[in-house]
Amino acid sequence: METGEILKKDSEWLSENMAKLQESYEGKWIAIVNKKIIAFGKNFGEAFDLAKKKFPNINPLIDYVPKKEALIL
């Protein structure tokens, strides 16, 4: 599977699971690869750095999990 296709599937998974992810990762940045959270942090750089340490050859999807009151559907 190509990187673009993986990122698209991970992005779709993120959208579908955002409400559930807020329970554990509210206010944090998360790194996703193949529909799995591989790292998280308090800012983009921290999440990215932790993800690259675990999977140096993979570009993860990094996104912010907003606080529940900030989420507009």
PDB file of N, CA and C in Angstrom:
ATOM      1  N   MET A   1       0.842  -1.172   0.000  1.00  0.00           N
ATOM      2  CA  MET A   1       0.000   0.000   0.000  1.00  0.00           C
ATOM      3  C   MET A   1       0.895   1.245   0.000  1.00  0.00           C
ATOM      4  N   GLU A   2       0.541   2.232  -0.801  1.00  0.00           N
ATOM      5  CA  GLU A   2       1.317   3.461  -0.889  1.00  0.00           C
ATOM      6  C   GLU A   2       1.086   4.351   0.329  1.00  0.00           C
ATOM      7  N   THR A   3       2.054   5.203   0.603  1.00  0.00           N
ATOM      8  CA  THR A   3       1.967   6.095   1.759  1.00  0.00           C
ATOM      9  C   THR A   3       0.710   6.945   1.727  1.00  0.00           C
ATOM     10  N   GLY A   4       0.379   7.506   0.572  1.00  0.00           N
ATOM     11  CA  GLY A   4      -0.817   8.340   0.458  1.00  0.00           C
ATOM     12  C   GLY A   4      -2.087   7.581   0.786  1.00  0.00           C
ATOM     13  N   GLU A   5      -2.153   6.342   0.359  1.00  0.00           N
ATOM     14  CA  GLU A   5      -3.326   5.508   0.630  1.00  0.00           C
ATOM     15  C   GLU A   5      -3.420   5.173   2.123  1.00  0.00           C
ATOM     16  N   ILE A   6      -2.286   4.886   2.740  1.00  0.00           N
ATOM     17  CA  ILE A   6      -2.257   4.595   4.178  1.00  0.00           C
ATOM     18  C   ILE A   6      -2.711   5.822   4.967  1.00  0.00           C
ATOM     19  N   LEU A   7      -2.187   6.993   4.609  1.00  0.00           N
ATOM     20  CA  LEU A   7      -2.571   8.221   5.310  1.00  0.00           C
ATOM     21  C   LEU A   7      -4.060   8.507   5.149  1.00  0.00           C
ATOM     22  N   LYS A   8      -4.606   8.238   3.965  1.00  0.00           N
ATOM     23  CA  LYS A   8      -6.040   8.457   3.736  1.00  0.00           C
ATOM     24  C   LYS A   8      -6.863   7.541   4.636  1.00  0.00           C
ATOM     25  N   LYS A   9      -6.489   6.267   4.700  1.00  0.00           N
ATOM     26  CA  LYS A   9      -7.219   5.317   5.546  1.00  0.00           C
ATOM     27  C   LYS A   9      -7.086   5.686   7.021  1.00  0.00           C
ATOM     28  N   ASP A  10      -5.896   6.117   7.430  1.00  0.00           N
ATOM     29  CA  ASP A  10      -5.697   6.536   8.820  1.00  0.00           C
ATOM     30  C   ASP A  10      -6.521   7.781   9.137  1.00  0.00           C
ATOM     31  N   SER A  11      -6.610   8.694   8.190  1.00  0.00           N
ATOM     32  CA  SER A  11      -7.407   9.908   8.382  1.00  0.00           C
ATOM     33  C   SER A  11      -8.889   9.574   8.528  1.00  0.00           C
ATOM     34  N   GLU A  12      -9.372   8.654   7.709  1.00  0.00           N
ATOM     35  CA  GLU A  12     -10.771   8.212   7.811  1.00  0.00           C
ATOM     36  C   GLU A  12     -11.021   7.553   9.165  1.00  0.00           C
ATOM     37  N   TRP A  13     -10.093   6.701   9.593  1.00  0.00           N
ATOM     38  CA  TRP A  13     -10.216   6.030  10.892  1.00  0.00           C
ATOM     39  C   TRP A  13     -10.250   7.053  12.024  1.00  0.00           C
ATOM     40  N   LEU A  14      -9.391   8.060  11.928  1.00  0.00           N
ATOM     41  CA  LEU A  14      -9.349   9.111  12.942  1.00  0.00           C
ATOM     42  C   LEU A  14     -10.697   9.820  13.038  1.00  0.00           C
ATOM     43  N   SER A  15     -11.258  10.189  11.903  1.00  0.00           N
ATOM     44  CA  SER A  15     -12.560  10.877  11.898  1.00  0.00           C
ATOM     45  C   SER A  15     -13.648  10.011  12.513  1.00  0.00           C
ATOM     46  N   GLU A  16     -13.650   8.741  12.158  1.00  0.00           N
ATOM     47  CA  GLU A  16     -14.674   7.816  12.658  1.00  0.00           C
ATOM     48  C   GLU A  16     -14.544   7.560  14.164  1.00  0.00           C
ATOM     49  N   ASN A  17     -13.349   7.687  14.702  1.00  0.00           N
ATOM     50  CA  ASN A  17     -13.094   7.327  16.098  1.00  0.00           C
ATOM     51  C   ASN A  17     -12.758   8.503  17.012  1.00  0.00           C
ATOM     52  N   MET A  18     -12.931   9.718  16.531  1.00  0.00           N
ATOM     53  CA  MET A  18     -12.522  10.889  17.311  1.00  0.00           C
ATOM     54  C   MET A  18     -13.184  10.942  18.689  1.00  0.00           C
ATOM     55  N   ALA A  19     -14.479  10.696  18.762  1.00  0.00           N
ATOM     56  CA  ALA A  19     -15.172  10.773  20.056  1.00  0.00           C
ATOM     57  C   ALA A  19     -14.573   9.788  21.060  1.00  0.00           C
ATOM     58  N   LYS A  20     -14.269   8.585  20.608  1.00  0.00           N
ATOM     59  CA  LYS A  20     -13.679   7.579  21.496  1.00  0.00           C
ATOM     60  C   LYS A  20     -12.244   7.968  21.881  1.00  0.00           C
ATOM     61  N   LEU A  21     -11.507   8.517  20.931  1.00  0.00           N
ATOM     62  CA  LEU A  21     -10.125   8.917  21.200  1.00  0.00           C
ATOM     63  C   LEU A  21     -10.053  10.043  22.224  1.00  0.00           C
ATOM     64  N   GLN A  22     -11.082  10.873  22.257  1.00  0.00           N
ATOM     65  CA  GLN A  22     -11.093  11.973  23.221  1.00  0.00           C
ATOM     66  C   GLN A  22     -11.074  11.468  24.661  1.00  0.00           C
ATOM     67  N   GLU A  23     -11.584  10.283  24.891  1.00  0.00           N
ATOM     68  CA  GLU A  23     -11.599   9.731  26.247  1.00  0.00           C
ATOM     69  C   GLU A  23     -10.184   9.565  26.800  1.00  0.00           C
ATOM     70  N   SER A  24      -9.241   9.205  25.939  1.00  0.00           N
ATOM     71  CA  SER A  24      -7.871   8.939  26.390  1.00  0.00           C
ATOM     72  C   SER A  24      -6.857   9.999  25.975  1.00  0.00           C
ATOM     73  N   TYR A  25      -7.116  10.707  24.874  1.00  0.00           N
ATOM     74  CA  TYR A  25      -6.102  11.598  24.305  1.00  0.00           C
ATOM     75  C   TYR A  25      -6.559  13.049  24.167  1.00  0.00           C
ATOM     76  N   GLU A  26      -7.592  13.431  24.880  1.00  0.00           N
ATOM     77  CA  GLU A  26      -8.126  14.790  24.809  1.00  0.00           C
ATOM     78  C   GLU A  26      -7.029  15.827  25.079  1.00  0.00           C
ATOM     79  N   GLY A  27      -6.891  16.785  24.156  1.00  0.00           N
ATOM     80  CA  GLY A  27      -5.890  17.836  24.312  1.00  0.00           C
ATOM     81  C   GLY A  27      -4.472  17.425  23.967  1.00  0.00           C
ATOM     82  N   LYS A  28      -4.301  16.264  23.350  1.00  0.00           N
ATOM     83  CA  LYS A  28      -2.973  15.751  22.997  1.00  0.00           C
ATOM     84  C   LYS A  28      -2.849  15.603  21.477  1.00  0.00           C
ATOM     85  N   TRP A  29      -1.623  15.510  21.028  1.00  0.00           N
ATOM     86  CA  TRP A  29      -1.317  15.201  19.632  1.00  0.00           C
ATOM     87  C   TRP A  29      -1.057  13.700  19.545  1.00  0.00           C
ATOM     88  N   ILE A  30      -1.612  13.044  18.531  1.00  0.00           N
ATOM     89  CA  ILE A  30      -1.431  11.601  18.373  1.00  0.00           C
ATOM     90  C   ILE A  30      -0.798  11.286  17.022  1.00  0.00           C
ATOM     91  N   ALA A  31      -0.038  10.207  16.995  1.00  0.00           N
ATOM     92  CA  ALA A  31       0.584   9.710  15.769  1.00  0.00           C
ATOM     93  C   ALA A  31      -0.069   8.375  15.436  1.00  0.00           C
ATOM     94  N   ILE A  32      -0.548   8.250  14.200  1.00  0.00           N
ATOM     95  CA  ILE A  32      -1.290   7.063  13.784  1.00  0.00           C
ATOM     96  C   ILE A  32      -0.603   6.415  12.586  1.00  0.00           C
ATOM     97  N   VAL A  33      -0.486   5.093  12.636  1.00  0.00           N
ATOM     98  CA  VAL A  33       0.003   4.290  11.516  1.00  0.00           C
ATOM     99  C   VAL A  33      -0.861   3.047  11.436  1.00  0.00           C
ATOM    100  N   ASN A  34      -1.424   2.796  10.276  1.00  0.00           N
ATOM    101  CA  ASN A  34      -2.273   1.620  10.048  1.00  0.00           C
ATOM    102  C   ASN A  34      -3.387   1.501  11.087  1.00  0.00           C
ATOM    103  N   LYS A  35      -4.051   2.627  11.344  1.00  0.00           N
ATOM    104  CA  LYS A  35      -5.207   2.685  12.243  1.00  0.00           C
ATOM    105  C   LYS A  35      -4.857   2.352  13.693  1.00  0.00           C
ATOM    106  N   LYS A  36      -3.601   2.590  14.068  1.00  0.00           N
ATOM    107  CA  LYS A  36      -3.166   2.364  15.447  1.00  0.00           C
ATOM    108  C   LYS A  36      -2.409   3.591  15.935  1.00  0.00           C
ATOM    109  N   ILE A  37      -2.648   3.961  17.175  1.00  0.00           N
ATOM    110  CA  ILE A  37      -1.917   5.067  17.772  1.00  0.00           C
ATOM    111  C   ILE A  37      -0.568   4.525  18.228  1.00  0.00           C
ATOM    112  N   ILE A  38       0.493   5.075  17.651  1.00  0.00           N
ATOM    113  CA  ILE A  38       1.831   4.586  17.975  1.00  0.00           C
ATOM    114  C   ILE A  38       2.572   5.518  18.925  1.00  0.00           C
ATOM    115  N   ALA A  39       2.069   6.758  19.072  1.00  0.00           N
ATOM    116  CA  ALA A  39       2.702   7.720  19.977  1.00  0.00           C
ATOM    117  C   ALA A  39       1.741   8.874  20.221  1.00  0.00           C
ATOM    118  N   PHE A  40       1.993   9.605  21.299  1.00  0.00           N
ATOM    119  CA  PHE A  40       1.222  10.818  21.567  1.00  0.00           C
ATOM    120  C   PHE A  40       2.080  11.758  22.400  1.00  0.00           C
ATOM    121  N   GLY A  41       1.714  13.025  22.370  1.00  0.00           N
ATOM    122  CA  GLY A  41       2.468  14.006  23.133  1.00  0.00           C
ATOM    123  C   GLY A  41       1.686  15.284  23.326  1.00  0.00           C
ATOM    124  N   LYS A  42       2.294  16.213  24.052  1.00  0.00           N
ATOM    125  CA  LYS A  42       1.607  17.471  24.355  1.00  0.00           C
ATOM    126  C   LYS A  42       1.701  18.471  23.205  1.00  0.00           C
ATOM    127  N   ASN A  43       2.583  18.183  22.220  1.00  0.00           N
ATOM    128  CA  ASN A  43       2.669  19.032  21.032  1.00  0.00           C
ATOM    129  C   ASN A  43       3.029  18.173  19.822  1.00  0.00           C
ATOM    130  N   PHE A  44       2.944  18.788  18.643  1.00  0.00           N
ATOM    131  CA  PHE A  44       3.205  18.061  17.401  1.00  0.00           C
ATOM    132  C   PHE A  44       4.592  17.427  17.411  1.00  0.00           C
ATOM    133  N   GLY A  45       5.598  18.217  17.766  1.00  0.00           N
ATOM    134  CA  GLY A  45       6.973  17.734  17.730  1.00  0.00           C
ATOM    135  C   GLY A  45       7.216  16.533  18.623  1.00  0.00           C
ATOM    136  N   GLU A  46       6.648  16.559  19.803  1.00  0.00           N
ATOM    137  CA  GLU A  46       6.826  15.442  20.731  1.00  0.00           C
ATOM    138  C   GLU A  46       6.202  14.166  20.166  1.00  0.00           C
ATOM    139  N   ALA A  47       4.987  14.264  19.648  1.00  0.00           N
ATOM    140  CA  ALA A  47       4.323  13.090  19.071  1.00  0.00           C
ATOM    141  C   ALA A  47       5.104  12.573  17.866  1.00  0.00           C
ATOM    142  N   PHE A  48       5.555  13.482  17.012  1.00  0.00           N
ATOM    143  CA  PHE A  48       6.309  13.094  15.823  1.00  0.00           C
ATOM    144  C   PHE A  48       7.626  12.424  16.200  1.00  0.00           C
ATOM    145  N   ASP A  49       8.373  13.030  17.115  1.00  0.00           N
ATOM    146  CA  ASP A  49       9.668  12.467  17.520  1.00  0.00           C
ATOM    147  C   ASP A  49       9.524  11.076  18.128  1.00  0.00           C
ATOM    148  N   LEU A  50       8.534  10.893  18.989  1.00  0.00           N
ATOM    149  CA  LEU A  50       8.309   9.573  19.589  1.00  0.00           C
ATOM    150  C   LEU A  50       7.925   8.546  18.527  1.00  0.00           C
ATOM    151  N   ALA A  51       7.091   8.956  17.574  1.00  0.00           N
ATOM    152  CA  ALA A  51       6.679   8.047  16.499  1.00  0.00           C
ATOM    153  C   ALA A  51       7.876   7.647  15.640  1.00  0.00           C
ATOM    154  N   LYS A  52       8.742   8.607  15.309  1.00  0.00           N
ATOM    155  CA  LYS A  52       9.900   8.308  14.463  1.00  0.00           C
ATOM    156  C   LYS A  52      10.925   7.434  15.182  1.00  0.00           C
ATOM    157  N   LYS A  53      10.995   7.538  16.505  1.00  0.00           N
ATOM    158  CA  LYS A  53      11.889   6.656  17.259  1.00  0.00           C
ATOM    159  C   LYS A  53      11.407   5.212  17.166  1.00  0.00           C
ATOM    160  N   LYS A  54      10.092   5.024  17.221  1.00  0.00           N
ATOM    161  CA  LYS A  54       9.526   3.674  17.159  1.00  0.00           C
ATOM    162  C   LYS A  54       9.528   3.123  15.742  1.00  0.00           C
ATOM    163  N   PHE A  55       9.213   3.984  14.769  1.00  0.00           N
ATOM    164  CA  PHE A  55       9.103   3.570  13.370  1.00  0.00           C
ATOM    165  C   PHE A  55       9.837   4.573  12.481  1.00  0.00           C
ATOM    166  N   PRO A  56      11.164   4.502  12.420  1.00  0.00           N
ATOM    167  CA  PRO A  56      11.937   5.514  11.693  1.00  0.00           C
ATOM    168  C   PRO A  56      11.670   5.576  10.190  1.00  0.00           C
ATOM    169  N   ASN A  57      11.193   4.510   9.601  1.00  0.00           N
ATOM    170  CA  ASN A  57      10.988   4.482   8.153  1.00  0.00           C
ATOM    171  C   ASN A  57       9.546   4.729   7.727  1.00  0.00           C
ATOM    172  N   ILE A  58       8.697   5.116   8.666  1.00  0.00           N
ATOM    173  CA  ILE A  58       7.282   5.329   8.363  1.00  0.00           C
ATOM    174  C   ILE A  58       6.903   6.763   8.705  1.00  0.00           C
ATOM    175  N   ASN A  59       6.133   7.381   7.820  1.00  0.00           N
ATOM    176  CA  ASN A  59       5.615   8.722   8.089  1.00  0.00           C
ATOM    177  C   ASN A  59       4.214   8.591   8.666  1.00  0.00           C
ATOM    178  N   PRO A  60       4.050   8.883   9.947  1.00  0.00           N
ATOM    179  CA  PRO A  60       2.743   8.736  10.580  1.00  0.00           C
ATOM    180  C   PRO A  60       1.825   9.919  10.274  1.00  0.00           C
ATOM    181  N   LEU A  61       0.551   9.699  10.466  1.00  0.00           N
ATOM    182  CA  LEU A  61      -0.418  10.788  10.461  1.00  0.00           C
ATOM    183  C   LEU A  61      -0.380  11.386  11.863  1.00  0.00           C
ATOM    184  N   ILE A  62      -0.150  12.676  11.962  1.00  0.00           N
ATOM    185  CA  ILE A  62      -0.125  13.358  13.258  1.00  0.00           C
ATOM    186  C   ILE A  62      -1.313  14.313  13.293  1.00  0.00           C
ATOM    187  N   ASP A  63      -2.096  14.240  14.349  1.00  0.00           N
ATOM    188  CA  ASP A  63      -3.247  15.134  14.466  1.00  0.00           C
ATOM    189  C   ASP A  63      -3.519  15.432  15.932  1.00  0.00           C
ATOM    190  N   TYR A  64      -4.234  16.517  16.138  1.00  0.00           N
ATOM    191  CA  TYR A  64      -4.591  16.978  17.474  1.00  0.00           C
ATOM    192  C   TYR A  64      -5.971  16.460  17.845  1.00  0.00           C
ATOM    193  N   VAL A  65      -6.103  15.964  19.060  1.00  0.00           N
ATOM    194  CA  VAL A  65      -7.401  15.516  19.561  1.00  0.00           C
ATOM    195  C   VAL A  65      -7.951  16.657  20.414  1.00  0.00           C
ATOM    196  N   PRO A  66      -8.972  17.352  19.898  1.00  0.00           N
ATOM    197  CA  PRO A  66      -9.483  18.512  20.632  1.00  0.00           C
ATOM    198  C   PRO A  66     -10.215  18.123  21.905  1.00  0.00           C
ATOM    199  N   LYS A  67     -10.329  19.092  22.786  1.00  0.00           N
ATOM    200  CA  LYS A  67     -11.118  18.885  23.999  1.00  0.00           C
ATOM    201  C   LYS A  67     -12.574  18.744  23.595  1.00  0.00           C
ATOM    202  N   LYS A  68     -13.316  17.969  24.350  1.00  0.00           N
ATOM    203  CA  LYS A  68     -14.699  17.659  23.988  1.00  0.00           C
ATOM    204  C   LYS A  68     -15.528  18.898  23.713  1.00  0.00           C
ATOM    205  N   GLU A  69     -15.388  19.922  24.534  1.00  0.00           N
ATOM    206  CA  GLU A  69     -16.205  21.112  24.335  1.00  0.00           C
ATOM    207  C   GLU A  69     -15.794  21.890  23.084  1.00  0.00           C
ATOM    208  N   ALA A  70     -14.604  21.593  22.522  1.00  0.00           N
ATOM    209  CA  ALA A  70     -14.132  22.292  21.328  1.00  0.00           C
ATOM    210  C   ALA A  70     -14.528  21.576  20.042  1.00  0.00           C
ATOM    211  N   LEU A  71     -14.993  20.344  20.133  1.00  0.00           N
ATOM    212  CA  LEU A  71     -15.318  19.557  18.947  1.00  0.00           C
ATOM    213  C   LEU A  71     -16.664  19.973  18.388  1.00  0.00           C
ATOM    214  N   ILE A  72     -16.659  20.370  17.126  1.00  0.00           N
ATOM    215  CA  ILE A  72     -17.892  20.735  16.437  1.00  0.00           C
ATOM    216  C   ILE A  72     -18.093  19.736  15.315  1.00  0.00           C
ATOM    217  N   LEU A  73     -19.215  19.060  15.340  1.00  0.00           N
ATOM    218  CA  LEU A  73     -19.492  18.050  14.315  1.00  0.00           C
ATOM    219  C   LEU A  73     -20.304  18.629  13.195  1.00  0.00           C
TER     220      LEU A  73
END
